[in-house]
Amino acid sequence: MLTALDLAGRGPREVLLVGVIPESVETGTGMSEALRAAVPAAGRVVVEELGRLGLAGVAKKGGVKRAPWWEAA
């Protein structure tokens, strides 16, 4: 999508990718404890970047209390 936008002359000037490095890339739907523990820090980076852009990003206290859609029954 970014390439298509760039070719159309409408691409963003900058792109920030936020991610974490998993300890394993085995098939499955669950997250390791290390990955689950890294999610709040990644969320903080996103909120900080929104602030840098002048947008109001608010981190939820206590996180989300439900399973992600791929883990939901």
PDB file of N, CA and C in Angstrom:
ATOM      1  N   MET A   1       0.812  -1.166   0.000  1.00  0.00           N
ATOM      2  CA  MET A   1       0.000   0.000   0.000  1.00  0.00           C
ATOM      3  C   MET A   1       0.867   1.245   0.000  1.00  0.00           C
ATOM      4  N   LEU A   2       1.929   1.224   0.794  1.00  0.00           N
ATOM      5  CA  LEU A   2       2.797   2.399   0.829  1.00  0.00           C
ATOM      6  C   LEU A   2       3.438   2.655  -0.535  1.00  0.00           C
ATOM      7  N   THR A   3       3.823   1.596  -1.233  1.00  0.00           N
ATOM      8  CA  THR A   3       4.405   1.754  -2.567  1.00  0.00           C
ATOM      9  C   THR A   3       3.379   2.311  -3.538  1.00  0.00           C
ATOM     10  N   ALA A   4       2.143   1.803  -3.469  1.00  0.00           N
ATOM     11  CA  ALA A   4       1.089   2.303  -4.359  1.00  0.00           C
ATOM     12  C   ALA A   4       0.827   3.784  -4.108  1.00  0.00           C
ATOM     13  N   LEU A   5       0.771   4.181  -2.840  1.00  0.00           N
ATOM     14  CA  LEU A   5       0.579   5.596  -2.515  1.00  0.00           C
ATOM     15  C   LEU A   5       1.752   6.437  -3.015  1.00  0.00           C
ATOM     16  N   ASP A   6       2.964   5.917  -2.865  1.00  0.00           N
ATOM     17  CA  ASP A   6       4.138   6.640  -3.320  1.00  0.00           C
ATOM     18  C   ASP A   6       4.104   6.824  -4.837  1.00  0.00           C
ATOM     19  N   LEU A   7       3.753   5.766  -5.565  1.00  0.00           N
ATOM     20  CA  LEU A   7       3.664   5.860  -7.025  1.00  0.00           C
ATOM     21  C   LEU A   7       2.584   6.848  -7.463  1.00  0.00           C
ATOM     22  N   ALA A   8       1.552   6.983  -6.651  1.00  0.00           N
ATOM     23  CA  ALA A   8       0.477   7.926  -6.961  1.00  0.00           C
ATOM     24  C   ALA A   8       0.807   9.345  -6.479  1.00  0.00           C
ATOM     25  N   GLY A   9       1.992   9.510  -5.876  1.00  0.00           N
ATOM     26  CA  GLY A   9       2.374  10.831  -5.377  1.00  0.00           C
ATOM     27  C   GLY A   9       1.677  11.221  -4.094  1.00  0.00           C
ATOM     28  N   ARG A  10       1.146  10.241  -3.373  1.00  0.00           N
ATOM     29  CA  ARG A  10       0.392  10.544  -2.152  1.00  0.00           C
ATOM     30  C   ARG A  10       0.957   9.832  -0.926  1.00  0.00           C
ATOM     31  N   GLY A  11       2.177   9.332  -1.042  1.00  0.00           N
ATOM     32  CA  GLY A  11       2.777   8.605   0.074  1.00  0.00           C
ATOM     33  C   GLY A  11       3.155   9.521   1.219  1.00  0.00           C
ATOM     34  N   PRO A  12       3.230   8.972   2.428  1.00  0.00           N
ATOM     35  CA  PRO A  12       3.633   9.785   3.583  1.00  0.00           C
ATOM     36  C   PRO A  12       5.112  10.144   3.497  1.00  0.00           C
ATOM     37  N   ARG A  13       5.478  11.248   4.114  1.00  0.00           N
ATOM     38  CA  ARG A  13       6.878  11.663   4.148  1.00  0.00           C
ATOM     39  C   ARG A  13       7.710  10.735   5.019  1.00  0.00           C
ATOM     40  N   GLU A  14       7.098  10.209   6.076  1.00  0.00           N
ATOM     41  CA  GLU A  14       7.819   9.300   6.956  1.00  0.00           C
ATOM     42  C   GLU A  14       6.874   8.223   7.473  1.00  0.00           C
ATOM     43  N   VAL A  15       7.450   7.100   7.811  1.00  0.00           N
ATOM     44  CA  VAL A  15       6.690   5.968   8.339  1.00  0.00           C
ATOM     45  C   VAL A  15       7.443   5.455   9.561  1.00  0.00           C
ATOM     46  N   LEU A  16       6.720   5.207  10.631  1.00  0.00           N
ATOM     47  CA  LEU A  16       7.316   4.638  11.826  1.00  0.00           C
ATOM     48  C   LEU A  16       6.726   3.246  12.025  1.00  0.00           C
ATOM     49  N   LEU A  17       7.577   2.255  12.068  1.00  0.00           N
ATOM     50  CA  LEU A  17       7.138   0.895  12.361  1.00  0.00           C
ATOM     51  C   LEU A  17       7.498   0.597  13.808  1.00  0.00           C
ATOM     52  N   VAL A  18       6.538   0.097  14.554  1.00  0.00           N
ATOM     53  CA  VAL A  18       6.769  -0.277  15.944  1.00  0.00           C
ATOM     54  C   VAL A  18       6.547  -1.774  16.035  1.00  0.00           C
ATOM     55  N   GLY A  19       7.502  -2.473  16.564  1.00  0.00           N
ATOM     56  CA  GLY A  19       7.366  -3.919  16.675  1.00  0.00           C
ATOM     57  C   GLY A  19       8.192  -4.461  17.810  1.00  0.00           C
ATOM     58  N   VAL A  20       8.055  -5.733  18.016  1.00  0.00           N
ATOM     59  CA  VAL A  20       8.854  -6.435  19.013  1.00  0.00           C
ATOM     60  C   VAL A  20       9.397  -7.702  18.354  1.00  0.00           C
ATOM     61  N   ILE A  21      10.481  -8.200  18.875  1.00  0.00           N
ATOM     62  CA  ILE A  21      11.092  -9.409  18.330  1.00  0.00           C
ATOM     63  C   ILE A  21      10.605 -10.595  19.150  1.00  0.00           C
ATOM     64  N   PRO A  22       9.912 -11.540  18.511  1.00  0.00           N
ATOM     65  CA  PRO A  22       9.417 -12.706  19.248  1.00  0.00           C
ATOM     66  C   PRO A  22      10.558 -13.661  19.590  1.00  0.00           C
ATOM     67  N   GLU A  23      10.389 -14.432  20.655  1.00  0.00           N
ATOM     68  CA  GLU A  23      11.418 -15.423  20.967  1.00  0.00           C
ATOM     69  C   GLU A  23      11.279 -16.656  20.094  1.00  0.00           C
ATOM     70  N   SER A  24      10.114 -16.841  19.469  1.00  0.00           N
ATOM     71  CA  SER A  24       9.883 -17.985  18.589  1.00  0.00           C
ATOM     72  C   SER A  24       8.903 -17.577  17.494  1.00  0.00           C
ATOM     73  N   VAL A  25       9.044 -18.180  16.327  1.00  0.00           N
ATOM     74  CA  VAL A  25       8.108 -17.922  15.230  1.00  0.00           C
ATOM     75  C   VAL A  25       7.406 -19.218  14.813  1.00  0.00           C
ATOM     76  N   GLU A  26       7.235 -20.100  15.767  1.00  0.00           N
ATOM     77  CA  GLU A  26       6.517 -21.344  15.512  1.00  0.00           C
ATOM     78  C   GLU A  26       5.060 -21.032  15.193  1.00  0.00           C
ATOM     79  N   THR A  27       4.423 -21.925  14.462  1.00  0.00           N
ATOM     80  CA  THR A  27       3.012 -21.717  14.147  1.00  0.00           C
ATOM     81  C   THR A  27       2.176 -21.854  15.412  1.00  0.00           C
ATOM     82  N   GLY A  28       1.086 -21.134  15.457  1.00  0.00           N
ATOM     83  CA  GLY A  28       0.191 -21.140  16.607  1.00  0.00           C
ATOM     84  C   GLY A  28      -0.470 -19.787  16.726  1.00  0.00           C
ATOM     85  N   THR A  29      -1.343 -19.658  17.690  1.00  0.00           N
ATOM     86  CA  THR A  29      -2.079 -18.402  17.832  1.00  0.00           C
ATOM     87  C   THR A  29      -1.737 -17.633  19.094  1.00  0.00           C
ATOM     88  N   GLY A  30      -1.002 -18.230  19.999  1.00  0.00           N
ATOM     89  CA  GLY A  30      -0.715 -17.559  21.256  1.00  0.00           C
ATOM     90  C   GLY A  30       0.556 -16.727  21.204  1.00  0.00           C
ATOM     91  N   MET A  31       0.679 -15.828  22.167  1.00  0.00           N
ATOM     92  CA  MET A  31       1.882 -15.026  22.306  1.00  0.00           C
ATOM     93  C   MET A  31       2.688 -15.569  23.483  1.00  0.00           C
ATOM     94  N   SER A  32       4.019 -15.527  23.355  1.00  0.00           N
ATOM     95  CA  SER A  32       4.869 -15.918  24.477  1.00  0.00           C
ATOM     96  C   SER A  32       4.737 -14.867  25.576  1.00  0.00           C
ATOM     97  N   GLU A  33       5.153 -15.256  26.780  1.00  0.00           N
ATOM     98  CA  GLU A  33       5.103 -14.300  27.892  1.00  0.00           C
ATOM     99  C   GLU A  33       6.008 -13.100  27.616  1.00  0.00           C
ATOM    100  N   ALA A  34       7.171 -13.335  26.992  1.00  0.00           N
ATOM    101  CA  ALA A  34       8.080 -12.229  26.682  1.00  0.00           C
ATOM    102  C   ALA A  34       7.437 -11.261  25.705  1.00  0.00           C
ATOM    103  N   LEU A  35       6.759 -11.783  24.706  1.00  0.00           N
ATOM    104  CA  LEU A  35       6.087 -10.923  23.733  1.00  0.00           C
ATOM    105  C   LEU A  35       4.932 -10.180  24.395  1.00  0.00           C
ATOM    106  N   ARG A  36       4.152 -10.895  25.177  1.00  0.00           N
ATOM    107  CA  ARG A  36       3.032 -10.267  25.889  1.00  0.00           C
ATOM    108  C   ARG A  36       3.539  -9.145  26.803  1.00  0.00           C
ATOM    109  N   ALA A  37       4.699  -9.353  27.431  1.00  0.00           N
ATOM    110  CA  ALA A  37       5.271  -8.339  28.326  1.00  0.00           C
ATOM    111  C   ALA A  37       5.789  -7.128  27.546  1.00  0.00           C
ATOM    112  N   ALA A  38       6.146  -7.318  26.269  1.00  0.00           N
ATOM    113  CA  ALA A  38       6.685  -6.206  25.465  1.00  0.00           C
ATOM    114  C   ALA A  38       5.589  -5.322  24.878  1.00  0.00           C
ATOM    115  N   VAL A  39       4.369  -5.795  24.845  1.00  0.00           N
ATOM    116  CA  VAL A  39       3.273  -5.040  24.217  1.00  0.00           C
ATOM    117  C   VAL A  39       3.042  -3.679  24.881  1.00  0.00           C
ATOM    118  N   PRO A  40       3.018  -3.554  26.204  1.00  0.00           N
ATOM    119  CA  PRO A  40       2.814  -2.222  26.800  1.00  0.00           C
ATOM    120  C   PRO A  40       3.866  -1.200  26.372  1.00  0.00           C
ATOM    121  N   ALA A  41       5.130  -1.620  26.285  1.00  0.00           N
ATOM    122  CA  ALA A  41       6.182  -0.688  25.861  1.00  0.00           C
ATOM    123  C   ALA A  41       5.956  -0.253  24.418  1.00  0.00           C
ATOM    124  N   ALA A  42       5.546  -1.176  23.555  1.00  0.00           N
ATOM    125  CA  ALA A  42       5.249  -0.823  22.164  1.00  0.00           C
ATOM    126  C   ALA A  42       4.083   0.161  22.119  1.00  0.00           C
ATOM    127  N   GLY A  43       3.093  -0.056  22.955  1.00  0.00           N
ATOM    128  CA  GLY A  43       1.953   0.862  23.022  1.00  0.00           C
ATOM    129  C   GLY A  43       2.371   2.258  23.451  1.00  0.00           C
ATOM    130  N   ARG A  44       3.290   2.323  24.414  1.00  0.00           N
ATOM    131  CA  ARG A  44       3.793   3.634  24.867  1.00  0.00           C
ATOM    132  C   ARG A  44       4.510   4.365  23.729  1.00  0.00           C
ATOM    133  N   VAL A  45       5.268   3.630  22.931  1.00  0.00           N
ATOM    134  CA  VAL A  45       5.961   4.245  21.791  1.00  0.00           C
ATOM    135  C   VAL A  45       4.950   4.825  20.812  1.00  0.00           C
ATOM    136  N   VAL A  46       3.861   4.099  20.566  1.00  0.00           N
ATOM    137  CA  VAL A  46       2.824   4.591  19.649  1.00  0.00           C
ATOM    138  C   VAL A  46       2.190   5.864  20.200  1.00  0.00           C
ATOM    139  N   VAL A  47       1.851   5.876  21.490  1.00  0.00           N
ATOM    140  CA  VAL A  47       1.235   7.062  22.104  1.00  0.00           C
ATOM    141  C   VAL A  47       2.202   8.242  22.060  1.00  0.00           C
ATOM    142  N   GLU A  48       3.493   7.995  22.322  1.00  0.00           N
ATOM    143  CA  GLU A  48       4.489   9.070  22.243  1.00  0.00           C
ATOM    144  C   GLU A  48       4.588   9.630  20.830  1.00  0.00           C
ATOM    145  N   GLU A  49       4.562   8.758  19.833  1.00  0.00           N
ATOM    146  CA  GLU A  49       4.644   9.212  18.446  1.00  0.00           C
ATOM    147  C   GLU A  49       3.408  10.022  18.071  1.00  0.00           C
ATOM    148  N   LEU A  50       2.238   9.600  18.513  1.00  0.00           N
ATOM    149  CA  LEU A  50       1.029  10.383  18.257  1.00  0.00           C
ATOM    150  C   LEU A  50       1.163  11.774  18.869  1.00  0.00           C
ATOM    151  N   GLY A  51       1.709  11.842  20.079  1.00  0.00           N
ATOM    152  CA  GLY A  51       1.929  13.138  20.721  1.00  0.00           C
ATOM    153  C   GLY A  51       2.891  13.998  19.930  1.00  0.00           C
ATOM    154  N   ARG A  52       3.953  13.392  19.419  1.00  0.00           N
ATOM    155  CA  ARG A  52       4.922  14.140  18.609  1.00  0.00           C
ATOM    156  C   ARG A  52       4.258  14.727  17.372  1.00  0.00           C
ATOM    157  N   LEU A  53       3.254  14.027  16.860  1.00  0.00           N
ATOM    158  CA  LEU A  53       2.535  14.491  15.676  1.00  0.00           C
ATOM    159  C   LEU A  53       1.404  15.457  16.025  1.00  0.00           C
ATOM    160  N   GLY A  54       1.242  15.755  17.319  1.00  0.00           N
ATOM    161  CA  GLY A  54       0.199  16.683  17.740  1.00  0.00           C
ATOM    162  C   GLY A  54      -1.168  16.037  17.859  1.00  0.00           C
ATOM    163  N   LEU A  55      -1.195  14.714  17.973  1.00  0.00           N
ATOM    164  CA  LEU A  55      -2.466  13.998  18.107  1.00  0.00           C
ATOM    165  C   LEU A  55      -2.611  13.482  19.529  1.00  0.00           C
ATOM    166  N   ALA A  56      -3.836  13.367  19.973  1.00  0.00           N
ATOM    167  CA  ALA A  56      -4.097  12.924  21.341  1.00  0.00           C
ATOM    168  C   ALA A  56      -4.232  11.414  21.387  1.00  0.00           C
ATOM    169  N   GLY A  57      -3.180  10.750  21.783  1.00  0.00           N
ATOM    170  CA  GLY A  57      -3.237   9.311  21.997  1.00  0.00           C
ATOM    171  C   GLY A  57      -3.240   9.062  23.491  1.00  0.00           C
ATOM    172  N   VAL A  58      -4.108   8.207  23.955  1.00  0.00           N
ATOM    173  CA  VAL A  58      -4.205   7.945  25.387  1.00  0.00           C
ATOM    174  C   VAL A  58      -4.073   6.446  25.613  1.00  0.00           C
ATOM    175  N   ALA A  59      -3.109   6.071  26.401  1.00  0.00           N
ATOM    176  CA  ALA A  59      -2.927   4.660  26.737  1.00  0.00           C
ATOM    177  C   ALA A  59      -3.957   4.259  27.787  1.00  0.00           C
ATOM    178  N   LYS A  60      -4.562   3.096  27.601  1.00  0.00           N
ATOM    179  CA  LYS A  60      -5.507   2.592  28.591  1.00  0.00           C
ATOM    180  C   LYS A  60      -4.745   2.041  29.780  1.00  0.00           C
ATOM    181  N   LYS A  61      -5.175   2.386  30.966  1.00  0.00           N
ATOM    182  CA  LYS A  61      -4.539   1.864  32.164  1.00  0.00           C
ATOM    183  C   LYS A  61      -5.026   0.437  32.401  1.00  0.00           C
ATOM    184  N   GLY A  62      -4.099  -0.446  32.692  1.00  0.00           N
ATOM    185  CA  GLY A  62      -4.462  -1.829  32.976  1.00  0.00           C
ATOM    186  C   GLY A  62      -4.606  -2.700  31.748  1.00  0.00           C
ATOM    187  N   GLY A  63      -4.475  -2.141  30.572  1.00  0.00           N
ATOM    188  CA  GLY A  63      -4.543  -2.941  29.353  1.00  0.00           C
ATOM    189  C   GLY A  63      -5.938  -3.415  29.011  1.00  0.00           C
ATOM    190  N   VAL A  64      -6.000  -4.199  27.998  1.00  0.00           N
ATOM    191  CA  VAL A  64      -7.274  -4.748  27.517  1.00  0.00           C
ATOM    192  C   VAL A  64      -7.582  -6.009  28.307  1.00  0.00           C
ATOM    193  N   LYS A  65      -8.818  -6.157  28.731  1.00  0.00           N
ATOM    194  CA  LYS A  65      -9.208  -7.281  29.573  1.00  0.00           C
ATOM    195  C   LYS A  65      -9.813  -8.450  28.798  1.00  0.00           C
ATOM    196  N   ARG A  66      -9.709  -8.430  27.475  1.00  0.00           N
ATOM    197  CA  ARG A  66     -10.261  -9.552  26.708  1.00  0.00           C
ATOM    198  C   ARG A  66      -9.184 -10.103  25.791  1.00  0.00           C
ATOM    199  N   ALA A  67      -9.396 -11.326  25.366  1.00  0.00           N
ATOM    200  CA  ALA A  67      -8.434 -11.970  24.469  1.00  0.00           C
ATOM    201  C   ALA A  67      -8.513 -11.353  23.083  1.00  0.00           C
ATOM    202  N   PRO A  68      -7.403 -11.329  22.345  1.00  0.00           N
ATOM    203  CA  PRO A  68      -7.448 -10.848  20.959  1.00  0.00           C
ATOM    204  C   PRO A  68      -8.411 -11.691  20.137  1.00  0.00           C
ATOM    205  N   TRP A  69      -8.903 -11.155  19.046  1.00  0.00           N
ATOM    206  CA  TRP A  69      -9.908 -11.840  18.236  1.00  0.00           C
ATOM    207  C   TRP A  69      -9.446 -13.230  17.806  1.00  0.00           C
ATOM    208  N   TRP A  70      -8.142 -13.418  17.575  1.00  0.00           N
ATOM    209  CA  TRP A  70      -7.686 -14.725  17.097  1.00  0.00           C
ATOM    210  C   TRP A  70      -7.623 -15.754  18.213  1.00  0.00           C
ATOM    211  N   GLU A  71      -7.712 -15.311  19.462  1.00  0.00           N
ATOM    212  CA  GLU A  71      -7.721 -16.241  20.587  1.00  0.00           C
ATOM    213  C   GLU A  71      -9.122 -16.402  21.183  1.00  0.00           C
ATOM    214  N   ALA A  72     -10.073 -15.584  20.737  1.00  0.00           N
ATOM    215  CA  ALA A  72     -11.429 -15.641  21.282  1.00  0.00           C
ATOM    216  C   ALA A  72     -12.118 -16.943  20.852  1.00  0.00           C
ATOM    217  N   ALA A  73     -12.933 -17.441  21.725  1.00  0.00           N
ATOM    218  CA  ALA A  73     -13.644 -18.715  21.416  1.00  0.00           C
ATOM    219  C   ALA A  73     -14.802 -18.479  20.457  1.00  0.00           C
TER     220      ALA A  73
END
